[in-house]
């Protein structure tokens, strides 16, 4: 990004294989990409918001992150994990000592999710994050059941996590009609109907 290199370097159909999970922006920063167990989802901003399922002809940017996951390990989230910041802190406390990045998933009802879709107009110069993010389109959802796909690492700030975080997260509704890069989220009720619980899992075989 700092060199203005926005062309796609990763063909998404090469990642669309069973067990593959991944997140990142679309080439030229014109949308967001989520690979959920081989299925490719792309969010564009064209006349509002459009969600394309199985858009394998697209190419992802060079800082796309993905992992082939063979097994997930269930992890109990403490009641203190109520938002994105607390989730980051919990994963950091529990896994930082291992020193290896990994994918994780969280499923459940979320009280609120704030997300963006990158939408840099064609022809605009991008020489860093500020140039890229000033064109973001912001979206908000409340009380939706979602699949959260994220990646954790204490060694990849400004590579595939934010410069001030150890996680990078995308969210998609179970109806597959809303998807984006998560900026903030609040968990729903931790007790009650089954749909209100939150199931968290981390990949057993870590990224290397």
N, C-alpha and C. Protein backbone atom coordinates (compact mmCIF):
# COMPACT_ATOMS: atom_id res chain seq x y z
N UNK A 1 0.83 -1.21 0.00
CA UNK A 1 0.00 0.00 0.00
C UNK A 1 0.86 1.26 0.00
N UNK A 2 1.94 1.26 0.80
CA UNK A 2 2.79 2.44 0.87
C UNK A 2 3.49 2.72 -0.45
N UNK A 3 3.62 1.69 -1.28
CA UNK A 3 4.22 1.86 -2.61
C UNK A 3 3.18 2.04 -3.70
N UNK A 4 1.91 2.15 -3.31
CA UNK A 4 0.86 2.32 -4.29
C UNK A 4 0.56 1.07 -5.09
N UNK A 5 0.96 -0.10 -4.58
CA UNK A 5 0.74 -1.36 -5.29
C UNK A 5 -0.60 -1.93 -4.87
N UNK A 6 -1.62 -1.73 -5.70
CA UNK A 6 -2.97 -2.12 -5.34
C UNK A 6 -3.52 -3.25 -6.18
N UNK A 7 -2.77 -3.65 -7.20
CA UNK A 7 -3.26 -4.73 -8.06
C UNK A 7 -3.34 -6.03 -7.29
N UNK A 8 -4.31 -6.87 -7.66
CA UNK A 8 -4.47 -8.15 -7.00
C UNK A 8 -3.34 -9.10 -7.33
N UNK A 9 -2.83 -9.78 -6.32
CA UNK A 9 -1.74 -10.73 -6.49
C UNK A 9 -2.16 -12.15 -6.16
N UNK A 10 -3.37 -12.32 -5.65
CA UNK A 10 -3.83 -13.64 -5.22
C UNK A 10 -5.13 -13.96 -5.93
N UNK A 11 -5.14 -15.01 -6.74
CA UNK A 11 -6.36 -15.42 -7.43
C UNK A 11 -7.23 -16.20 -6.44
N UNK A 12 -8.44 -15.72 -6.22
CA UNK A 12 -9.25 -16.31 -5.16
C UNK A 12 -9.66 -17.74 -5.45
N UNK A 13 -9.78 -18.11 -6.72
CA UNK A 13 -10.17 -19.50 -6.99
C UNK A 13 -9.09 -20.48 -6.55
N UNK A 14 -7.86 -20.00 -6.35
CA UNK A 14 -6.80 -20.88 -5.86
C UNK A 14 -6.96 -21.17 -4.37
N UNK A 15 -7.76 -20.37 -3.68
CA UNK A 15 -7.97 -20.55 -2.25
C UNK A 15 -9.28 -21.25 -1.93
N UNK A 16 -10.14 -21.37 -2.93
CA UNK A 16 -11.48 -21.90 -2.69
C UNK A 16 -11.46 -23.41 -2.58
N UNK A 17 -10.87 -23.89 -1.50
CA UNK A 17 -10.74 -25.32 -1.24
C UNK A 17 -11.26 -25.62 0.16
N UNK A 18 -11.76 -26.80 0.35
CA UNK A 18 -12.35 -27.18 1.63
C UNK A 18 -11.41 -26.90 2.79
N UNK A 19 -11.94 -26.24 3.82
CA UNK A 19 -11.15 -25.93 5.00
C UNK A 19 -10.39 -24.62 4.94
N UNK A 20 -10.51 -23.88 3.83
CA UNK A 20 -9.79 -22.61 3.72
C UNK A 20 -10.63 -21.46 4.26
N UNK A 21 -10.01 -20.66 5.12
CA UNK A 21 -10.61 -19.47 5.69
C UNK A 21 -9.66 -18.31 5.44
N UNK A 22 -10.19 -17.16 5.04
CA UNK A 22 -9.32 -16.03 4.77
C UNK A 22 -10.07 -14.72 4.72
N UNK A 23 -9.35 -13.62 4.92
CA UNK A 23 -9.95 -12.29 4.90
C UNK A 23 -8.96 -11.28 4.33
N UNK A 24 -9.49 -10.22 3.77
CA UNK A 24 -8.66 -9.15 3.23
C UNK A 24 -9.46 -8.28 2.29
N UNK A 25 -8.83 -7.27 1.70
CA UNK A 25 -9.53 -6.40 0.75
C UNK A 25 -9.41 -6.94 -0.67
N UNK A 26 -10.33 -6.49 -1.51
CA UNK A 26 -10.30 -6.82 -2.93
C UNK A 26 -9.23 -5.97 -3.62
N UNK A 27 -8.80 -6.41 -4.79
CA UNK A 27 -7.79 -5.65 -5.52
C UNK A 27 -8.26 -4.22 -5.76
N UNK A 28 -7.29 -3.31 -5.79
CA UNK A 28 -7.52 -1.87 -5.93
C UNK A 28 -8.38 -1.31 -4.80
N UNK A 29 -8.48 -2.06 -3.70
CA UNK A 29 -9.23 -1.63 -2.52
C UNK A 29 -10.64 -1.21 -2.89
N UNK A 30 -11.31 -2.11 -3.66
CA UNK A 30 -12.66 -1.84 -4.15
C UNK A 30 -13.68 -2.74 -3.49
N UNK A 31 -13.37 -3.31 -2.36
CA UNK A 31 -14.30 -4.19 -1.67
C UNK A 31 -13.59 -5.05 -0.65
N UNK A 32 -14.38 -5.85 0.07
CA UNK A 32 -13.85 -6.75 1.10
C UNK A 32 -14.08 -8.20 0.69
N UNK A 33 -13.18 -9.07 1.13
CA UNK A 33 -13.23 -10.49 0.78
C UNK A 33 -13.25 -11.33 2.05
N UNK A 34 -14.09 -12.36 2.04
CA UNK A 34 -14.11 -13.36 3.11
C UNK A 34 -14.19 -14.73 2.45
N UNK A 35 -13.27 -15.61 2.80
CA UNK A 35 -13.34 -17.01 2.38
C UNK A 35 -13.76 -17.81 3.60
N UNK A 36 -14.94 -18.43 3.51
CA UNK A 36 -15.52 -19.16 4.63
C UNK A 36 -15.65 -20.63 4.23
N UNK A 37 -14.67 -21.43 4.66
CA UNK A 37 -14.66 -22.86 4.33
C UNK A 37 -14.87 -23.05 2.83
N UNK A 38 -14.00 -22.44 2.06
CA UNK A 38 -13.86 -22.52 0.59
C UNK A 38 -14.80 -21.61 -0.18
N UNK A 39 -15.92 -21.16 0.43
CA UNK A 39 -16.84 -20.29 -0.29
C UNK A 39 -16.35 -18.85 -0.20
N UNK A 40 -16.26 -18.19 -1.34
CA UNK A 40 -15.74 -16.83 -1.42
C UNK A 40 -16.90 -15.83 -1.41
N UNK A 41 -16.84 -14.87 -0.48
CA UNK A 41 -17.81 -13.79 -0.42
C UNK A 41 -17.09 -12.47 -0.68
N UNK A 42 -17.69 -11.63 -1.50
CA UNK A 42 -17.12 -10.33 -1.81
C UNK A 42 -18.17 -9.26 -1.57
N UNK A 43 -17.82 -8.22 -0.80
CA UNK A 43 -18.70 -7.08 -0.58
C UNK A 43 -18.21 -5.90 -1.39
N UNK A 44 -19.10 -5.39 -2.25
CA UNK A 44 -18.83 -4.18 -3.02
C UNK A 44 -19.72 -3.06 -2.54
N UNK A 45 -19.36 -1.84 -2.86
CA UNK A 45 -20.25 -0.69 -2.67
C UNK A 45 -20.61 -0.16 -4.06
N UNK A 46 -21.72 -0.61 -4.55
CA UNK A 46 -22.19 -0.15 -5.85
C UNK A 46 -23.66 0.20 -5.69
N UNK A 47 -23.96 1.49 -5.59
CA UNK A 47 -25.33 1.89 -5.35
C UNK A 47 -25.81 1.44 -3.99
N UNK A 48 -24.95 1.52 -3.01
CA UNK A 48 -25.29 1.09 -1.65
C UNK A 48 -24.38 -0.04 -1.23
N UNK A 49 -24.88 -1.26 -1.20
CA UNK A 49 -24.06 -2.40 -0.78
C UNK A 49 -24.49 -3.62 -1.58
N UNK A 50 -23.56 -4.33 -2.08
CA UNK A 50 -23.84 -5.54 -2.85
C UNK A 50 -22.96 -6.65 -2.33
N UNK A 51 -23.52 -7.85 -2.24
CA UNK A 51 -22.76 -8.99 -1.74
C UNK A 51 -22.79 -10.10 -2.77
N UNK A 52 -21.64 -10.44 -3.28
CA UNK A 52 -21.53 -11.48 -4.29
C UNK A 52 -21.01 -12.75 -3.64
N UNK A 53 -21.69 -13.85 -3.84
CA UNK A 53 -21.25 -15.12 -3.28
C UNK A 53 -20.51 -15.93 -4.34
N UNK A 54 -19.41 -16.52 -3.96
CA UNK A 54 -18.67 -17.37 -4.89
C UNK A 54 -18.01 -16.60 -6.01
N UNK A 55 -17.52 -15.39 -5.71
CA UNK A 55 -16.93 -14.55 -6.75
C UNK A 55 -15.47 -14.95 -6.97
N UNK A 56 -15.25 -16.11 -7.51
CA UNK A 56 -13.89 -16.66 -7.56
C UNK A 56 -13.02 -16.05 -8.65
N UNK A 57 -13.63 -15.32 -9.57
CA UNK A 57 -12.83 -14.72 -10.63
C UNK A 57 -12.07 -13.49 -10.12
N UNK A 58 -12.43 -12.99 -8.95
CA UNK A 58 -11.78 -11.81 -8.40
C UNK A 58 -10.38 -12.15 -7.91
N UNK A 59 -9.60 -11.09 -7.76
CA UNK A 59 -8.27 -11.23 -7.17
C UNK A 59 -8.21 -10.41 -5.89
N UNK A 60 -7.52 -10.95 -4.89
CA UNK A 60 -7.39 -10.27 -3.61
C UNK A 60 -6.07 -9.51 -3.57
N UNK A 61 -6.00 -8.55 -2.67
CA UNK A 61 -4.78 -7.77 -2.50
C UNK A 61 -3.67 -8.61 -1.89
N UNK A 62 -2.48 -8.02 -1.91
CA UNK A 62 -1.30 -8.77 -1.47
C UNK A 62 -1.28 -9.02 0.03
N UNK A 63 -2.06 -8.29 0.84
CA UNK A 63 -2.03 -8.55 2.27
C UNK A 63 -3.22 -9.37 2.72
N UNK A 64 -3.76 -10.14 1.83
CA UNK A 64 -4.79 -11.12 2.18
C UNK A 64 -4.15 -12.20 3.06
N UNK A 65 -4.89 -12.64 4.09
CA UNK A 65 -4.38 -13.68 4.98
C UNK A 65 -5.35 -14.85 4.97
N UNK A 66 -4.81 -16.07 4.92
CA UNK A 66 -5.68 -17.24 4.88
C UNK A 66 -4.98 -18.42 5.54
N UNK A 67 -5.79 -19.42 5.89
CA UNK A 67 -5.26 -20.63 6.50
C UNK A 67 -6.14 -21.81 6.11
N UNK A 68 -5.53 -22.93 5.84
CA UNK A 68 -6.25 -24.18 5.63
C UNK A 68 -6.39 -24.85 6.99
N UNK A 69 -7.63 -24.96 7.46
CA UNK A 69 -7.89 -25.47 8.81
C UNK A 69 -8.45 -26.89 8.72
N UNK A 70 -7.78 -27.82 9.36
CA UNK A 70 -8.24 -29.21 9.40
C UNK A 70 -9.07 -29.49 10.64
N UNK A 71 -8.73 -28.84 11.75
CA UNK A 71 -9.45 -29.07 13.00
C UNK A 71 -9.56 -27.75 13.76
N UNK A 72 -10.71 -27.57 14.41
CA UNK A 72 -10.92 -26.43 15.29
C UNK A 72 -10.96 -26.91 16.74
N UNK A 73 -10.46 -26.09 17.64
CA UNK A 73 -10.52 -26.37 19.07
C UNK A 73 -11.49 -25.39 19.72
N UNK A 74 -12.52 -25.91 20.38
CA UNK A 74 -13.49 -25.05 21.04
C UNK A 74 -12.83 -24.32 22.21
N UNK A 75 -13.17 -23.04 22.37
CA UNK A 75 -12.62 -22.21 23.44
C UNK A 75 -13.78 -21.52 24.15
N UNK A 76 -13.81 -21.61 25.48
CA UNK A 76 -14.86 -20.95 26.24
C UNK A 76 -14.50 -19.49 26.44
N UNK A 77 -15.39 -18.60 26.03
CA UNK A 77 -15.16 -17.17 26.22
C UNK A 77 -15.68 -16.74 27.58
N UNK A 78 -14.87 -16.06 28.38
CA UNK A 78 -15.36 -15.58 29.68
C UNK A 78 -16.37 -14.46 29.49
N UNK A 79 -17.18 -14.22 30.52
CA UNK A 79 -18.19 -13.17 30.45
C UNK A 79 -17.59 -11.79 30.22
N UNK A 80 -16.32 -11.63 30.54
CA UNK A 80 -15.66 -10.32 30.37
C UNK A 80 -15.46 -9.96 28.90
N UNK A 81 -15.54 -10.94 28.01
CA UNK A 81 -15.38 -10.67 26.58
C UNK A 81 -16.71 -10.15 26.04
N UNK A 82 -16.83 -8.85 25.98
CA UNK A 82 -18.09 -8.23 25.58
C UNK A 82 -17.97 -7.44 24.27
N UNK A 83 -16.74 -7.25 23.78
CA UNK A 83 -16.57 -6.47 22.56
C UNK A 83 -15.27 -6.88 21.87
N UNK A 84 -14.96 -6.19 20.78
CA UNK A 84 -13.79 -6.54 19.97
C UNK A 84 -12.49 -6.34 20.76
N UNK A 85 -12.41 -5.27 21.51
CA UNK A 85 -11.19 -5.00 22.28
C UNK A 85 -10.95 -6.07 23.34
N UNK A 86 -12.03 -6.49 24.01
CA UNK A 86 -11.88 -7.51 25.04
C UNK A 86 -11.56 -8.88 24.42
N UNK A 87 -12.06 -9.13 23.22
CA UNK A 87 -11.71 -10.38 22.53
C UNK A 87 -10.23 -10.40 22.19
N UNK A 88 -9.73 -9.28 21.70
CA UNK A 88 -8.30 -9.15 21.41
C UNK A 88 -7.48 -9.40 22.67
N UNK A 89 -7.88 -8.78 23.78
CA UNK A 89 -7.14 -8.93 25.03
C UNK A 89 -7.16 -10.36 25.53
N UNK A 90 -8.32 -11.03 25.41
CA UNK A 90 -8.43 -12.42 25.87
C UNK A 90 -7.52 -13.34 25.05
N UNK A 91 -7.56 -13.20 23.72
CA UNK A 91 -6.72 -14.05 22.88
C UNK A 91 -5.24 -13.77 23.12
N UNK A 92 -4.91 -12.51 23.33
CA UNK A 92 -3.51 -12.15 23.58
C UNK A 92 -3.02 -12.76 24.89
N UNK A 93 -3.83 -12.65 25.94
CA UNK A 93 -3.44 -13.21 27.23
C UNK A 93 -3.27 -14.72 27.15
N UNK A 94 -4.14 -15.37 26.41
CA UNK A 94 -4.14 -16.83 26.39
C UNK A 94 -3.12 -17.41 25.42
N UNK A 95 -2.83 -16.71 24.29
CA UNK A 95 -2.05 -17.34 23.23
C UNK A 95 -0.77 -16.60 22.84
N UNK A 96 -0.52 -15.43 23.39
CA UNK A 96 0.66 -14.67 22.97
C UNK A 96 1.96 -15.43 23.22
N UNK A 97 2.02 -16.16 24.31
CA UNK A 97 3.26 -16.87 24.65
C UNK A 97 3.63 -17.91 23.62
N UNK A 98 2.64 -18.45 22.93
CA UNK A 98 2.92 -19.47 21.91
C UNK A 98 3.64 -18.87 20.72
N UNK A 99 3.39 -17.61 20.44
CA UNK A 99 4.12 -16.92 19.38
C UNK A 99 3.75 -17.30 17.97
N UNK A 100 2.64 -18.02 17.77
CA UNK A 100 2.26 -18.44 16.43
C UNK A 100 0.89 -17.89 16.06
N UNK A 101 0.74 -17.36 14.85
CA UNK A 101 -0.55 -16.84 14.40
C UNK A 101 -1.53 -17.97 14.13
N UNK A 102 -2.83 -17.64 14.16
CA UNK A 102 -3.84 -18.65 13.85
C UNK A 102 -5.16 -17.98 13.48
N UNK A 103 -5.99 -18.74 12.80
CA UNK A 103 -7.35 -18.31 12.50
C UNK A 103 -8.26 -18.64 13.67
N UNK A 104 -9.35 -17.87 13.81
CA UNK A 104 -10.36 -18.20 14.81
C UNK A 104 -11.74 -17.85 14.28
N UNK A 105 -12.74 -18.47 14.90
CA UNK A 105 -14.14 -18.23 14.52
C UNK A 105 -14.97 -17.98 15.77
N UNK A 106 -15.96 -17.11 15.63
CA UNK A 106 -16.95 -16.91 16.69
C UNK A 106 -18.31 -16.88 16.01
N UNK A 107 -19.27 -17.62 16.56
CA UNK A 107 -20.61 -17.65 16.00
C UNK A 107 -21.61 -17.32 17.10
N UNK A 108 -22.61 -16.51 16.77
CA UNK A 108 -23.63 -16.17 17.75
C UNK A 108 -24.37 -14.90 17.36
N UNK A 109 -25.22 -14.44 18.28
CA UNK A 109 -25.98 -13.21 18.08
C UNK A 109 -25.18 -12.03 18.64
N UNK A 110 -25.02 -10.99 17.85
CA UNK A 110 -24.25 -9.83 18.28
C UNK A 110 -25.17 -8.64 18.46
N UNK A 111 -25.02 -7.97 19.61
CA UNK A 111 -25.85 -6.80 19.88
C UNK A 111 -25.64 -5.72 18.83
N UNK A 112 -24.39 -5.54 18.41
CA UNK A 112 -24.10 -4.58 17.36
C UNK A 112 -22.77 -4.92 16.70
N UNK A 113 -22.69 -4.62 15.43
CA UNK A 113 -21.44 -4.77 14.68
C UNK A 113 -21.30 -3.55 13.78
N UNK A 114 -20.15 -2.90 13.88
CA UNK A 114 -19.80 -1.80 12.98
C UNK A 114 -18.70 -2.29 12.05
N UNK A 115 -18.94 -2.12 10.76
CA UNK A 115 -18.00 -2.64 9.77
C UNK A 115 -17.82 -1.63 8.65
N UNK A 116 -16.74 -1.78 7.91
CA UNK A 116 -16.56 -0.95 6.74
C UNK A 116 -16.26 -1.82 5.52
N UNK A 117 -16.46 -1.22 4.37
CA UNK A 117 -16.05 -1.80 3.10
C UNK A 117 -15.15 -0.77 2.43
N UNK A 118 -13.93 -1.17 2.08
CA UNK A 118 -13.04 -0.25 1.37
C UNK A 118 -13.61 0.03 -0.02
N UNK A 119 -13.53 1.28 -0.45
CA UNK A 119 -14.17 1.66 -1.71
C UNK A 119 -13.40 2.82 -2.35
N UNK A 120 -12.14 2.59 -2.64
CA UNK A 120 -11.30 3.63 -3.24
C UNK A 120 -11.72 3.84 -4.70
N UNK A 121 -12.09 5.05 -5.09
CA UNK A 121 -12.48 5.29 -6.49
C UNK A 121 -11.32 5.01 -7.44
N UNK A 122 -11.65 4.46 -8.58
CA UNK A 122 -10.62 4.16 -9.57
C UNK A 122 -9.90 5.45 -9.96
N UNK A 123 -8.58 5.35 -10.10
CA UNK A 123 -7.77 6.49 -10.49
C UNK A 123 -7.20 7.27 -9.33
N UNK A 124 -7.64 6.99 -8.10
CA UNK A 124 -7.11 7.69 -6.93
C UNK A 124 -5.77 7.10 -6.52
N UNK A 125 -4.83 7.97 -6.15
CA UNK A 125 -3.55 7.51 -5.64
C UNK A 125 -3.68 7.08 -4.19
N UNK A 126 -3.04 5.96 -3.86
CA UNK A 126 -3.02 5.47 -2.48
C UNK A 126 -1.57 5.23 -2.10
N UNK A 127 -1.12 5.97 -1.08
CA UNK A 127 0.27 5.84 -0.63
C UNK A 127 0.36 5.50 0.85
N UNK A 128 -0.75 5.02 1.41
CA UNK A 128 -0.76 4.65 2.81
C UNK A 128 -2.17 4.45 3.30
N UNK A 129 -2.32 4.01 4.55
CA UNK A 129 -3.65 3.71 5.10
C UNK A 129 -4.60 4.90 5.09
N UNK A 130 -4.10 6.11 5.35
CA UNK A 130 -4.99 7.27 5.38
C UNK A 130 -5.65 7.49 4.02
N UNK A 131 -4.89 7.35 2.95
CA UNK A 131 -5.45 7.50 1.60
C UNK A 131 -6.49 6.43 1.33
N UNK A 132 -6.25 5.24 1.83
CA UNK A 132 -7.17 4.13 1.56
C UNK A 132 -8.45 4.25 2.35
N UNK A 133 -8.34 4.58 3.62
CA UNK A 133 -9.50 4.50 4.51
C UNK A 133 -10.41 5.72 4.45
N UNK A 134 -9.98 6.81 3.84
CA UNK A 134 -10.86 7.98 3.76
C UNK A 134 -12.07 7.71 2.86
N UNK A 135 -12.00 6.65 2.06
CA UNK A 135 -13.10 6.31 1.17
C UNK A 135 -13.97 5.17 1.70
N UNK A 136 -13.69 4.70 2.92
CA UNK A 136 -14.45 3.59 3.46
C UNK A 136 -15.94 3.92 3.53
N UNK A 137 -16.75 2.91 3.28
CA UNK A 137 -18.19 3.02 3.48
C UNK A 137 -18.52 2.28 4.79
N UNK A 138 -19.24 2.96 5.68
CA UNK A 138 -19.51 2.44 7.00
C UNK A 138 -20.90 1.80 7.06
N UNK A 139 -21.00 0.68 7.79
CA UNK A 139 -22.26 -0.04 7.93
C UNK A 139 -22.43 -0.49 9.38
N UNK A 140 -23.68 -0.57 9.81
CA UNK A 140 -24.00 -0.91 11.19
C UNK A 140 -25.12 -1.95 11.19
N UNK A 141 -24.99 -2.95 12.04
CA UNK A 141 -26.02 -3.98 12.17
C UNK A 141 -26.27 -4.24 13.65
N UNK A 142 -27.50 -4.57 14.00
CA UNK A 142 -27.86 -4.86 15.38
C UNK A 142 -28.68 -6.13 15.48
N UNK A 143 -28.36 -6.93 16.50
CA UNK A 143 -29.14 -8.12 16.79
C UNK A 143 -29.11 -9.19 15.72
N UNK A 144 -28.04 -9.25 14.95
CA UNK A 144 -27.94 -10.24 13.88
C UNK A 144 -27.10 -11.43 14.32
N UNK A 145 -27.47 -12.61 13.84
CA UNK A 145 -26.66 -13.81 14.05
C UNK A 145 -25.58 -13.81 12.98
N UNK A 146 -24.33 -13.92 13.39
CA UNK A 146 -23.21 -13.78 12.46
C UNK A 146 -22.15 -14.84 12.67
N UNK A 147 -21.40 -15.05 11.60
CA UNK A 147 -20.15 -15.80 11.64
C UNK A 147 -19.03 -14.79 11.62
N UNK A 148 -18.16 -14.86 12.60
CA UNK A 148 -16.98 -14.00 12.69
C UNK A 148 -15.76 -14.84 12.34
N UNK A 149 -14.99 -14.37 11.37
CA UNK A 149 -13.73 -15.03 11.01
C UNK A 149 -12.62 -14.03 11.26
N UNK A 150 -11.63 -14.44 12.05
CA UNK A 150 -10.54 -13.53 12.37
C UNK A 150 -9.20 -14.23 12.36
N UNK A 151 -8.16 -13.43 12.41
CA UNK A 151 -6.79 -13.94 12.50
C UNK A 151 -6.08 -13.22 13.63
N UNK A 152 -5.35 -14.01 14.41
CA UNK A 152 -4.64 -13.50 15.57
C UNK A 152 -3.14 -13.63 15.35
N UNK A 153 -2.41 -12.58 15.72
CA UNK A 153 -0.96 -12.64 15.72
C UNK A 153 -0.40 -11.48 16.53
N UNK A 154 0.65 -11.73 17.27
CA UNK A 154 1.35 -10.66 17.98
C UNK A 154 2.56 -10.17 17.19
N UNK A 155 2.76 -10.71 16.00
CA UNK A 155 3.97 -10.39 15.22
C UNK A 155 3.65 -9.79 13.85
N UNK A 156 2.40 -9.48 13.58
CA UNK A 156 2.05 -9.03 12.22
C UNK A 156 1.23 -7.75 12.23
N UNK A 157 1.52 -6.86 13.17
CA UNK A 157 0.86 -5.56 13.16
C UNK A 157 1.21 -4.81 11.87
N UNK A 158 0.20 -4.22 11.26
CA UNK A 158 0.34 -3.48 10.00
C UNK A 158 0.75 -4.41 8.84
N UNK A 159 0.66 -5.72 9.07
CA UNK A 159 0.85 -6.68 7.98
C UNK A 159 -0.51 -7.29 7.66
N UNK A 160 -1.06 -8.08 8.60
CA UNK A 160 -2.45 -8.50 8.40
C UNK A 160 -3.33 -8.23 9.62
N UNK A 161 -2.80 -7.53 10.63
CA UNK A 161 -3.64 -6.96 11.68
C UNK A 161 -3.39 -5.45 11.69
N UNK A 162 -4.25 -4.72 12.39
CA UNK A 162 -4.04 -3.28 12.51
C UNK A 162 -2.76 -2.99 13.28
N UNK A 163 -2.26 -1.77 13.15
CA UNK A 163 -1.00 -1.41 13.81
C UNK A 163 -1.14 -1.40 15.33
N UNK A 164 -2.40 -1.31 15.83
CA UNK A 164 -2.61 -1.25 17.27
C UNK A 164 -3.43 -2.42 17.80
N UNK A 165 -3.47 -3.52 17.06
CA UNK A 165 -4.28 -4.67 17.47
C UNK A 165 -3.58 -5.97 17.09
N UNK A 166 -3.98 -7.03 17.76
CA UNK A 166 -3.45 -8.36 17.44
C UNK A 166 -4.44 -9.21 16.65
N UNK A 167 -5.58 -8.62 16.28
CA UNK A 167 -6.57 -9.38 15.52
C UNK A 167 -7.07 -8.55 14.34
N UNK A 168 -7.53 -9.27 13.33
CA UNK A 168 -8.15 -8.70 12.13
C UNK A 168 -9.39 -9.55 11.89
N UNK A 169 -10.55 -8.91 11.79
CA UNK A 169 -11.81 -9.65 11.84
C UNK A 169 -12.75 -9.20 10.73
N UNK A 170 -13.41 -10.16 10.08
CA UNK A 170 -14.53 -9.90 9.19
C UNK A 170 -15.76 -10.61 9.73
N UNK A 171 -16.93 -10.06 9.43
CA UNK A 171 -18.19 -10.64 9.89
C UNK A 171 -19.14 -10.81 8.71
N UNK A 172 -19.94 -11.88 8.77
CA UNK A 172 -20.96 -12.12 7.75
C UNK A 172 -22.20 -12.69 8.44
N UNK A 173 -23.37 -12.24 8.02
CA UNK A 173 -24.60 -12.74 8.61
C UNK A 173 -24.86 -14.17 8.15
N UNK A 174 -25.65 -14.89 8.95
CA UNK A 174 -25.99 -16.26 8.56
C UNK A 174 -26.83 -16.29 7.30
N UNK A 175 -27.53 -15.19 7.01
CA UNK A 175 -28.29 -15.09 5.75
C UNK A 175 -27.39 -14.77 4.57
N UNK A 176 -26.12 -14.42 4.86
CA UNK A 176 -25.13 -14.09 3.83
C UNK A 176 -25.54 -12.87 3.01
N UNK A 177 -26.19 -11.91 3.69
CA UNK A 177 -26.63 -10.70 3.00
C UNK A 177 -25.91 -9.44 3.49
N UNK A 178 -24.90 -9.61 4.36
CA UNK A 178 -24.20 -8.47 4.97
C UNK A 178 -22.82 -8.95 5.39
N UNK A 179 -21.77 -8.29 4.91
CA UNK A 179 -20.41 -8.71 5.24
C UNK A 179 -19.49 -7.51 5.17
N UNK A 180 -18.51 -7.46 6.08
CA UNK A 180 -17.54 -6.38 6.04
C UNK A 180 -16.42 -6.59 7.04
N UNK A 181 -15.48 -5.66 6.99
CA UNK A 181 -14.33 -5.62 7.90
C UNK A 181 -14.77 -4.99 9.21
N UNK A 182 -14.65 -5.73 10.29
CA UNK A 182 -15.19 -5.29 11.58
C UNK A 182 -14.30 -4.23 12.22
N UNK A 183 -14.92 -3.09 12.57
CA UNK A 183 -14.25 -2.03 13.32
C UNK A 183 -14.59 -2.11 14.81
N UNK A 184 -15.78 -2.58 15.11
CA UNK A 184 -16.20 -2.71 16.50
C UNK A 184 -17.41 -3.61 16.58
N UNK A 185 -17.56 -4.31 17.70
CA UNK A 185 -18.73 -5.17 17.87
C UNK A 185 -18.98 -5.36 19.36
N UNK A 186 -20.24 -5.59 19.68
CA UNK A 186 -20.62 -5.92 21.04
C UNK A 186 -21.38 -7.24 21.02
N UNK A 187 -21.00 -8.12 21.93
CA UNK A 187 -21.64 -9.43 22.01
C UNK A 187 -23.05 -9.28 22.55
N UNK A 188 -23.94 -10.18 22.10
CA UNK A 188 -25.29 -10.22 22.64
C UNK A 188 -25.32 -10.91 23.98
N UNK A 189 -26.53 -11.19 24.47
CA UNK A 189 -26.68 -11.85 25.77
C UNK A 189 -25.95 -13.18 25.78
N UNK A 190 -25.30 -13.48 26.88
CA UNK A 190 -24.51 -14.71 27.00
C UNK A 190 -25.33 -15.87 27.50
N UNK A 191 -26.58 -15.63 27.91
CA UNK A 191 -27.46 -16.69 28.36
C UNK A 191 -28.79 -16.54 27.67
N UNK A 192 -29.58 -17.58 27.67
CA UNK A 192 -30.89 -17.50 27.05
C UNK A 192 -31.02 -18.50 25.93
N UNK A 193 -31.78 -18.17 24.88
CA UNK A 193 -31.97 -19.09 23.77
C UNK A 193 -30.65 -19.49 23.14
N UNK A 194 -30.65 -20.61 22.48
CA UNK A 194 -29.40 -21.13 21.90
C UNK A 194 -28.77 -20.13 20.95
N UNK A 195 -29.59 -19.36 20.25
CA UNK A 195 -29.05 -18.39 19.31
C UNK A 195 -28.31 -17.25 19.96
N UNK A 196 -28.45 -17.10 21.29
CA UNK A 196 -27.79 -16.01 21.99
C UNK A 196 -26.42 -16.41 22.53
N UNK A 197 -26.09 -17.69 22.49
CA UNK A 197 -24.78 -18.11 22.97
C UNK A 197 -23.73 -17.83 21.91
N UNK A 198 -22.47 -17.85 22.31
CA UNK A 198 -21.38 -17.58 21.38
C UNK A 198 -20.40 -18.74 21.42
N UNK A 199 -20.19 -19.35 20.27
CA UNK A 199 -19.25 -20.46 20.16
C UNK A 199 -17.97 -19.95 19.52
N UNK A 200 -16.87 -20.10 20.24
CA UNK A 200 -15.57 -19.66 19.74
C UNK A 200 -14.69 -20.88 19.49
N UNK A 201 -13.94 -20.84 18.40
CA UNK A 201 -13.02 -21.93 18.09
C UNK A 201 -11.76 -21.35 17.47
N UNK A 202 -10.63 -21.98 17.76
CA UNK A 202 -9.36 -21.56 17.17
C UNK A 202 -8.79 -22.72 16.38
N UNK A 203 -8.03 -22.41 15.36
CA UNK A 203 -7.42 -23.44 14.52
C UNK A 203 -6.36 -24.19 15.30
N UNK A 204 -6.39 -25.51 15.22
CA UNK A 204 -5.41 -26.33 15.95
C UNK A 204 -4.01 -26.21 15.34
N UNK A 205 -3.98 -26.18 14.01
CA UNK A 205 -2.67 -26.12 13.33
C UNK A 205 -2.40 -24.67 12.96
N UNK A 206 -1.44 -24.07 13.63
CA UNK A 206 -1.21 -22.64 13.50
C UNK A 206 -0.49 -22.29 12.21
N UNK A 207 -0.66 -21.02 11.82
CA UNK A 207 0.11 -20.49 10.69
C UNK A 207 1.59 -20.48 11.03
N UNK A 208 2.40 -20.61 10.00
CA UNK A 208 3.85 -20.61 10.22
C UNK A 208 4.48 -19.46 9.44
